[in-house]
N, C-alpha and C. Protein backbone atom coordinates (compact mmCIF):
# COMPACT_ATOMS: atom_id res chain seq x y z
N UNK A 1 17.19 -43.99 -1.06
CA UNK A 1 16.08 -43.66 -1.92
C UNK A 1 14.84 -44.27 -1.25
N UNK A 2 13.69 -43.36 -1.29
CA UNK A 2 12.48 -43.91 -0.92
C UNK A 2 11.79 -45.06 -1.96
N UNK A 3 11.23 -46.08 -1.28
CA UNK A 3 10.55 -46.94 -2.24
C UNK A 3 9.60 -46.37 -3.20
N UNK A 4 9.85 -46.48 -4.32
CA UNK A 4 8.91 -45.85 -5.44
C UNK A 4 7.48 -45.90 -5.22
N UNK A 5 6.97 -47.20 -4.98
CA UNK A 5 5.75 -47.68 -4.65
C UNK A 5 5.22 -46.63 -3.62
N UNK A 6 5.88 -46.57 -2.44
CA UNK A 6 5.33 -45.69 -1.38
C UNK A 6 5.42 -44.29 -1.66
N UNK A 7 6.24 -43.87 -2.47
CA UNK A 7 6.16 -42.46 -2.84
C UNK A 7 5.16 -42.28 -3.75
N UNK A 8 4.57 -43.21 -4.75
CA UNK A 8 3.40 -42.96 -5.67
C UNK A 8 1.98 -42.93 -4.75
N UNK A 9 2.19 -43.92 -3.78
CA UNK A 9 0.86 -44.16 -3.01
C UNK A 9 0.82 -42.69 -2.03
N UNK A 10 1.93 -42.32 -1.55
CA UNK A 10 1.78 -41.10 -0.69
C UNK A 10 1.41 -39.75 -1.64
N UNK A 11 2.03 -39.85 -2.77
CA UNK A 11 1.62 -38.56 -3.77
C UNK A 11 0.12 -38.57 -4.08
N UNK A 12 -0.42 -40.09 -4.45
CA UNK A 12 -1.72 -40.12 -4.77
C UNK A 12 -2.70 -39.71 -3.51
N UNK A 13 -2.21 -40.24 -2.56
CA UNK A 13 -3.13 -39.76 -1.14
C UNK A 13 -3.20 -38.31 -0.97
N UNK A 14 -2.09 -37.79 -1.11
CA UNK A 14 -2.09 -36.13 -0.85
C UNK A 14 -2.99 -35.64 -1.82
N UNK A 15 -3.05 -35.98 -2.96
CA UNK A 15 -4.05 -35.45 -4.02
C UNK A 15 -5.42 -35.70 -3.70
N UNK A 16 -5.63 -37.03 -3.26
CA UNK A 16 -6.98 -37.49 -2.94
C UNK A 16 -7.41 -36.47 -1.74
N UNK A 17 -6.59 -36.32 -0.54
CA UNK A 17 -6.89 -35.61 0.43
C UNK A 17 -7.14 -34.10 0.09
N UNK A 18 -6.54 -33.81 -0.72
CA UNK A 18 -6.98 -32.42 -1.22
C UNK A 18 -8.42 -32.28 -1.82
N UNK A 19 -8.85 -33.16 -2.27
CA UNK A 19 -10.16 -32.96 -2.97
C UNK A 19 -11.41 -32.89 -1.93
N UNK A 20 -11.08 -33.36 -0.63
CA UNK A 20 -12.03 -33.36 0.37
C UNK A 20 -12.47 -31.87 0.79
N UNK A 21 -11.47 -30.98 0.42
CA UNK A 21 -11.78 -29.63 0.82
C UNK A 21 -12.37 -28.79 -0.38
N UNK A 22 -13.28 -28.28 -0.11
CA UNK A 22 -14.20 -27.71 -1.26
C UNK A 22 -14.54 -26.27 -0.71
N UNK A 23 -15.19 -25.41 -1.71
CA UNK A 23 -15.42 -24.21 -1.24
C UNK A 23 -16.36 -23.90 -0.19
N UNK A 24 -16.19 -22.86 0.55
CA UNK A 24 -17.12 -22.60 1.63
C UNK A 24 -17.75 -21.21 1.32
N UNK A 25 -19.06 -21.50 1.53
CA UNK A 25 -19.84 -20.20 1.40
C UNK A 25 -20.41 -19.50 2.66
N UNK A 26 -20.45 -18.34 2.64
CA UNK A 26 -20.78 -17.61 3.90
C UNK A 26 -22.38 -17.24 3.79
N UNK A 27 -23.00 -16.89 4.69
CA UNK A 27 -24.21 -16.36 4.55
C UNK A 27 -24.45 -15.05 3.77
N UNK A 28 -23.48 -14.27 3.60
CA UNK A 28 -23.34 -12.99 3.03
C UNK A 28 -23.04 -13.23 1.51
N UNK A 29 -22.90 -14.40 0.94
CA UNK A 29 -22.79 -14.65 -0.25
C UNK A 29 -21.06 -14.68 -0.76
N UNK A 30 -20.33 -14.69 0.25
CA UNK A 30 -18.79 -14.83 0.01
C UNK A 30 -18.26 -16.19 -0.16
N UNK A 31 -17.43 -16.44 -1.05
CA UNK A 31 -17.12 -18.01 -1.22
C UNK A 31 -15.30 -17.95 -0.94
N UNK A 32 -14.93 -18.70 -0.02
CA UNK A 32 -13.45 -18.98 0.19
C UNK A 32 -13.12 -20.33 -0.46
N UNK A 33 -12.02 -20.25 -1.15
CA UNK A 33 -11.51 -21.29 -1.78
C UNK A 33 -10.10 -21.65 -1.18
N UNK A 34 -9.67 -23.02 -0.88
CA UNK A 34 -8.63 -23.42 -0.21
C UNK A 34 -7.39 -23.34 -1.25
N UNK A 35 -6.32 -22.85 -0.90
CA UNK A 35 -5.09 -22.94 -1.65
C UNK A 35 -4.08 -23.80 -1.18
N UNK A 36 -3.47 -24.78 -1.91
CA UNK A 36 -2.50 -25.66 -1.54
C UNK A 36 -1.23 -25.45 -1.77
N UNK A 37 -0.22 -26.18 -1.14
CA UNK A 37 1.23 -26.22 -1.43
C UNK A 37 1.12 -26.96 -2.71
N UNK A 38 2.21 -26.36 -3.62
CA UNK A 38 2.47 -27.16 -5.05
C UNK A 38 3.50 -28.14 -4.63
N UNK A 39 3.24 -29.31 -5.05
CA UNK A 39 4.20 -30.40 -4.82
C UNK A 39 4.35 -31.53 -6.05
N UNK A 40 5.40 -31.89 -6.25
CA UNK A 40 5.66 -33.02 -7.19
C UNK A 40 6.01 -34.36 -6.47
N UNK A 41 6.34 -35.39 -7.43
CA UNK A 41 6.82 -36.74 -7.07
C UNK A 41 7.99 -36.56 -6.59
N UNK A 42 8.90 -35.69 -6.95
CA UNK A 42 10.17 -35.40 -6.56
C UNK A 42 10.27 -34.88 -5.07
N UNK A 43 9.21 -34.01 -4.69
CA UNK A 43 9.12 -33.55 -3.35
C UNK A 43 8.67 -34.61 -2.47
N UNK A 44 7.79 -35.39 -2.85
CA UNK A 44 7.34 -36.63 -2.00
C UNK A 44 8.60 -37.59 -1.78
N UNK A 45 9.27 -37.76 -2.66
CA UNK A 45 10.50 -38.59 -2.43
C UNK A 45 11.41 -38.11 -1.63
N UNK A 46 11.74 -36.95 -1.70
CA UNK A 46 12.64 -36.11 -0.74
C UNK A 46 12.17 -36.23 0.56
N UNK A 47 10.83 -35.94 0.77
CA UNK A 47 10.26 -35.72 1.89
C UNK A 47 10.37 -37.26 2.97
N UNK A 48 10.15 -38.29 1.99
CA UNK A 48 10.47 -39.59 2.56
C UNK A 48 11.75 -39.82 2.83
N UNK A 49 12.63 -39.49 2.03
CA UNK A 49 14.12 -39.85 2.30
C UNK A 49 14.71 -39.05 3.58
N UNK A 50 14.24 -37.67 3.61
CA UNK A 50 15.01 -36.78 4.30
C UNK A 50 14.07 -36.52 5.64
N UNK A 51 13.08 -36.88 6.05
CA UNK A 51 12.25 -36.76 7.24
C UNK A 51 11.88 -37.92 8.08
N UNK A 52 11.69 -37.70 9.21
CA UNK A 52 11.31 -38.98 10.00
C UNK A 52 9.74 -39.01 9.87
N UNK A 53 8.97 -38.33 9.06
CA UNK A 53 7.62 -38.44 8.81
C UNK A 53 7.06 -39.55 8.23
N UNK A 54 6.03 -40.39 8.72
CA UNK A 54 5.52 -41.29 7.83
C UNK A 54 4.81 -40.86 6.65
N UNK A 55 4.66 -41.84 5.69
CA UNK A 55 3.92 -41.44 4.48
C UNK A 55 2.57 -40.83 4.63
N UNK A 56 1.93 -41.34 5.58
CA UNK A 56 0.49 -40.59 5.94
C UNK A 56 0.81 -39.23 6.44
N UNK A 57 1.60 -38.84 7.37
CA UNK A 57 1.75 -37.61 7.70
C UNK A 57 2.22 -36.71 6.61
N UNK A 58 3.06 -37.26 5.65
CA UNK A 58 3.47 -36.27 4.62
C UNK A 58 2.36 -35.96 3.83
N UNK A 59 1.49 -37.17 3.64
CA UNK A 59 0.33 -36.65 2.62
C UNK A 59 -0.81 -36.01 3.24
N UNK A 60 -0.98 -35.84 4.51
CA UNK A 60 -1.66 -34.87 5.23
C UNK A 60 -1.25 -33.54 5.15
N UNK A 61 0.14 -33.38 5.30
CA UNK A 61 0.71 -32.24 5.38
C UNK A 61 0.83 -31.48 3.95
N UNK A 62 0.90 -32.31 3.01
CA UNK A 62 0.84 -31.59 1.72
C UNK A 62 -0.55 -31.31 1.18
N UNK A 63 -1.49 -31.94 1.68
CA UNK A 63 -3.01 -31.80 1.55
C UNK A 63 -3.61 -30.74 2.41
N UNK A 64 -2.88 -30.03 3.19
CA UNK A 64 -3.51 -29.21 4.10
C UNK A 64 -3.39 -27.78 3.43
N UNK A 65 -4.39 -27.16 3.21
CA UNK A 65 -4.46 -25.79 2.71
C UNK A 65 -3.64 -24.82 3.34
N UNK A 66 -2.67 -24.21 2.57
CA UNK A 66 -1.86 -23.29 3.20
C UNK A 66 -2.55 -21.76 3.61
N UNK A 67 -3.76 -21.51 2.78
CA UNK A 67 -4.43 -20.41 3.13
C UNK A 67 -5.78 -20.58 2.31
N UNK A 68 -6.78 -19.87 2.66
CA UNK A 68 -7.95 -19.59 2.04
C UNK A 68 -8.05 -18.46 1.42
N UNK A 69 -8.62 -18.30 0.17
CA UNK A 69 -8.82 -17.13 -0.59
C UNK A 69 -10.27 -16.65 -0.65
N UNK A 70 -10.70 -15.55 -0.51
CA UNK A 70 -11.97 -15.12 -0.59
C UNK A 70 -11.94 -13.56 -1.36
N UNK A 71 -12.41 -13.57 -2.40
CA UNK A 71 -12.55 -12.34 -3.11
C UNK A 71 -11.06 -11.63 -3.35
N UNK A 72 -10.07 -12.30 -3.36
CA UNK A 72 -8.66 -11.92 -3.51
C UNK A 72 -7.91 -11.58 -2.10
N UNK A 73 -8.87 -11.87 -1.07
CA UNK A 73 -8.19 -11.70 0.29
C UNK A 73 -7.71 -13.01 0.78
N UNK A 74 -6.47 -13.14 1.25
CA UNK A 74 -6.03 -14.17 1.62
C UNK A 74 -5.90 -14.43 3.34
N UNK A 75 -6.52 -15.57 3.82
CA UNK A 75 -6.52 -15.63 5.17
C UNK A 75 -5.87 -17.08 5.67
N UNK A 76 -5.45 -17.21 6.82
CA UNK A 76 -4.97 -18.49 7.31
C UNK A 76 -6.03 -19.73 7.27
N UNK A 77 -7.21 -19.25 7.55
CA UNK A 77 -8.43 -20.20 7.53
C UNK A 77 -9.45 -19.47 6.94
N UNK A 78 -10.69 -20.26 6.90
CA UNK A 78 -11.80 -19.93 6.37
C UNK A 78 -12.41 -18.56 7.04
N UNK A 79 -12.48 -18.62 8.17
CA UNK A 79 -12.96 -17.33 8.86
C UNK A 79 -12.46 -16.21 8.75
N UNK A 80 -10.89 -16.17 8.63
CA UNK A 80 -10.04 -15.09 8.42
C UNK A 80 -10.26 -14.56 6.96
N UNK A 81 -10.56 -15.31 6.29
CA UNK A 81 -10.50 -14.93 4.80
C UNK A 81 -11.90 -14.34 4.45
N UNK A 82 -12.95 -14.78 5.21
CA UNK A 82 -14.31 -14.06 5.16
C UNK A 82 -14.18 -12.69 5.64
N UNK A 83 -13.63 -12.61 7.01
CA UNK A 83 -13.40 -11.30 7.72
C UNK A 83 -12.69 -10.30 6.82
N UNK A 84 -11.55 -10.80 6.25
CA UNK A 84 -10.89 -9.71 5.40
C UNK A 84 -11.69 -9.30 4.03
N UNK A 85 -12.41 -10.37 3.53
CA UNK A 85 -13.29 -9.79 2.39
C UNK A 85 -14.37 -9.00 2.75
N UNK A 86 -15.06 -9.25 4.01
CA UNK A 86 -16.10 -8.50 4.39
C UNK A 86 -15.72 -7.24 4.67
N UNK A 87 -14.57 -7.08 5.25
CA UNK A 87 -14.02 -5.74 5.74
C UNK A 87 -13.71 -4.88 4.41
N UNK A 88 -13.23 -5.51 3.38
CA UNK A 88 -12.93 -4.85 2.05
C UNK A 88 -14.09 -4.40 1.55
N UNK A 89 -15.07 -5.25 1.52
CA UNK A 89 -16.55 -4.94 0.87
C UNK A 89 -17.16 -3.84 1.56
N UNK A 90 -16.99 -3.88 2.95
CA UNK A 90 -17.72 -2.64 3.83
C UNK A 90 -16.79 -1.45 3.58
N UNK A 91 -15.54 -1.58 3.27
CA UNK A 91 -14.81 -0.16 2.96
C UNK A 91 -15.35 0.33 1.45
N UNK A 92 -15.51 -0.67 0.73
CA UNK A 92 -15.85 -0.18 -0.76
C UNK A 92 -17.16 0.57 -0.53
N UNK A 93 -18.18 -0.18 0.38
CA UNK A 93 -19.57 0.33 0.43
C UNK A 93 -19.45 1.71 1.02
N UNK A 94 -18.57 1.94 1.99
CA UNK A 94 -18.43 3.29 2.81
C UNK A 94 -18.32 4.29 1.86
N UNK A 95 -17.26 4.07 0.80
CA UNK A 95 -17.03 5.13 -0.19
C UNK A 95 -18.17 5.44 -0.98
N UNK A 96 -19.16 4.56 -1.29
CA UNK A 96 -20.42 4.91 -2.17
C UNK A 96 -21.03 6.00 -1.28
N UNK A 97 -20.98 6.25 -0.09
CA UNK A 97 -21.74 7.28 0.74
C UNK A 97 -23.28 7.05 0.63
N UNK A 98 -23.76 6.23 1.40
CA UNK A 98 -25.22 6.05 1.23
C UNK A 98 -25.82 7.19 1.89
N UNK A 99 -27.07 7.49 1.31
CA UNK A 99 -27.77 8.55 1.87
C UNK A 99 -28.42 8.31 3.31
N UNK A 100 -28.70 9.12 4.15
CA UNK A 100 -29.37 9.17 5.58
C UNK A 100 -30.89 8.50 5.18
N UNK A 101 -31.09 7.49 6.29
CA UNK A 101 -32.63 7.07 6.21
C UNK A 101 -33.57 7.87 6.91
N UNK A 102 -34.94 7.79 6.55
CA UNK A 102 -35.88 8.56 7.23
C UNK A 102 -36.73 7.54 8.03
N UNK A 103 -37.09 7.93 9.26
CA UNK A 103 -37.99 7.16 10.04
C UNK A 103 -37.46 7.49 11.62
N UNK A 104 -38.24 6.74 12.56
CA UNK A 104 -37.94 6.78 13.93
C UNK A 104 -36.58 6.21 14.14
N UNK A 105 -36.00 6.69 15.41
CA UNK A 105 -34.60 6.12 15.73
C UNK A 105 -34.42 4.71 15.63
N UNK A 106 -35.31 3.94 16.29
CA UNK A 106 -35.39 2.65 16.10
C UNK A 106 -35.44 1.92 14.85
N UNK A 107 -36.48 2.49 14.04
CA UNK A 107 -36.58 2.13 12.62
C UNK A 107 -35.16 2.33 11.77
N UNK A 108 -34.67 3.47 11.79
CA UNK A 108 -33.36 3.80 11.20
C UNK A 108 -32.36 2.84 11.56
N UNK A 109 -32.25 2.81 12.94
CA UNK A 109 -31.05 1.70 13.43
C UNK A 109 -31.24 0.25 12.72
N UNK A 110 -32.45 -0.14 13.01
CA UNK A 110 -32.81 -1.49 12.30
C UNK A 110 -32.61 -1.48 10.74
N UNK A 111 -33.14 -0.67 10.23
CA UNK A 111 -33.12 -0.48 8.61
C UNK A 111 -31.53 -0.40 8.15
N UNK A 112 -30.78 0.25 8.84
CA UNK A 112 -29.37 0.56 8.51
C UNK A 112 -28.62 -0.87 8.66
N UNK A 113 -29.19 -1.63 9.61
CA UNK A 113 -28.48 -2.96 9.58
C UNK A 113 -28.84 -4.02 8.42
N UNK A 114 -30.08 -3.72 7.86
CA UNK A 114 -30.73 -4.47 6.82
C UNK A 114 -29.98 -4.04 5.66
N UNK A 115 -29.81 -2.55 5.59
CA UNK A 115 -29.28 -2.11 4.43
C UNK A 115 -27.94 -2.39 4.09
N UNK A 116 -26.86 -2.42 5.19
CA UNK A 116 -25.55 -2.90 5.25
C UNK A 116 -25.45 -4.25 4.82
N UNK A 117 -26.38 -5.25 5.39
CA UNK A 117 -26.21 -6.49 4.88
C UNK A 117 -26.52 -6.69 3.38
N UNK A 118 -27.47 -6.05 2.99
CA UNK A 118 -27.96 -6.06 1.55
C UNK A 118 -26.73 -5.43 0.66
N UNK A 119 -25.99 -4.37 1.24
CA UNK A 119 -25.00 -3.82 0.58
C UNK A 119 -24.03 -4.77 0.34
N UNK A 120 -23.64 -5.45 1.31
CA UNK A 120 -22.51 -6.47 1.46
C UNK A 120 -22.78 -7.50 0.34
N UNK A 121 -23.91 -7.85 0.18
CA UNK A 121 -24.44 -8.86 -0.76
C UNK A 121 -24.32 -8.21 -2.22
N UNK A 122 -24.76 -6.94 -2.36
CA UNK A 122 -24.82 -6.51 -3.77
C UNK A 122 -24.48 -4.81 -3.63
N UNK A 123 -23.20 -4.57 -3.71
CA UNK A 123 -22.70 -3.13 -3.69
C UNK A 123 -23.21 -2.35 -4.74
N UNK A 124 -23.88 -2.86 -5.71
CA UNK A 124 -24.13 -2.04 -6.81
C UNK A 124 -25.76 -1.90 -7.00
N UNK A 125 -26.45 -2.26 -5.87
CA UNK A 125 -27.83 -2.40 -5.74
C UNK A 125 -28.35 -0.91 -6.07
N UNK A 126 -29.26 -0.77 -6.95
CA UNK A 126 -30.09 0.67 -7.10
C UNK A 126 -30.65 1.07 -5.80
N UNK A 127 -31.06 0.05 -5.07
CA UNK A 127 -31.83 0.30 -3.78
C UNK A 127 -31.15 1.28 -2.86
N UNK A 128 -29.79 0.95 -2.86
CA UNK A 128 -28.85 1.63 -1.69
C UNK A 128 -29.09 2.80 -1.60
N UNK A 129 -29.06 3.72 -2.98
CA UNK A 129 -29.13 5.07 -2.95
C UNK A 129 -30.55 5.71 -3.24
N UNK A 130 -31.46 4.76 -3.78
CA UNK A 130 -32.83 5.47 -3.80
C UNK A 130 -33.73 5.30 -2.85
N UNK A 131 -33.48 4.42 -2.04
CA UNK A 131 -34.47 3.99 -0.98
C UNK A 131 -34.12 4.63 0.31
N UNK A 132 -34.67 5.51 0.60
CA UNK A 132 -34.38 6.45 1.85
C UNK A 132 -35.35 6.12 3.19
N UNK A 133 -36.34 5.53 2.88
CA UNK A 133 -37.51 5.26 3.80
C UNK A 133 -37.21 4.16 4.76
N UNK A 134 -36.79 4.24 5.99
CA UNK A 134 -36.37 3.09 6.85
C UNK A 134 -37.51 1.90 6.83
N UNK A 135 -38.80 2.40 6.72
CA UNK A 135 -39.90 1.20 6.77
C UNK A 135 -39.69 0.41 5.54
N UNK A 136 -39.23 0.92 4.23
CA UNK A 136 -39.11 0.10 3.17
C UNK A 136 -38.08 -0.95 3.25
N UNK A 137 -37.01 -0.42 3.94
CA UNK A 137 -36.11 -1.50 4.18
C UNK A 137 -36.52 -2.70 5.15
N UNK A 138 -37.17 -2.40 6.24
CA UNK A 138 -37.81 -3.27 7.15
C UNK A 138 -38.88 -4.17 6.34
N UNK A 139 -39.73 -3.64 5.70
CA UNK A 139 -40.88 -4.30 5.19
C UNK A 139 -40.15 -5.42 3.95
N UNK A 140 -39.10 -4.94 3.20
CA UNK A 140 -38.61 -5.68 2.21
C UNK A 140 -37.48 -6.45 2.53
N UNK A 141 -37.10 -6.64 3.85
CA UNK A 141 -35.90 -7.34 4.19
C UNK A 141 -35.76 -8.94 3.61
N UNK A 142 -36.96 -9.48 3.61
CA UNK A 142 -36.87 -10.79 3.34
C UNK A 142 -36.70 -10.96 1.78
N UNK A 143 -36.99 -9.94 1.07
CA UNK A 143 -37.08 -10.18 -0.45
C UNK A 143 -35.62 -9.63 -1.04
N UNK A 144 -34.89 -8.82 -0.23
CA UNK A 144 -33.62 -8.16 -0.53
C UNK A 144 -32.37 -8.91 0.03
N UNK A 145 -32.66 -9.70 1.12
CA UNK A 145 -31.62 -10.45 1.66
C UNK A 145 -31.49 -12.01 1.49
């Protein structure tokens, strides 16, 4: 049986290590939250008794996120969860069927990038369907992004 005091310190260390992980915010307004293994004091005691890992190694292993969750999409790391959430958001935007923009070829290409970024931030924005002038998107990009 593992020393109870070592088990308590390992358990407390794992909980303390978990606190160093916080939400991560992307430039597009997405937020990823860490999701951890659930464990109890009995789990810590069992790991100390049945493995060759040190108490520090056990604490770090228990406090490492098993996944990151962003808008209900689970990824192995922050980047993957952002990518999955952004892909889902873009798919939702594509369903909205945005109107074609009016302007020169270069203006339309630039304005579509701005509009897409705005749509990912705010899929229900009234500007998405009402503003069809590429110049408007270019001139207002700092206000809407």
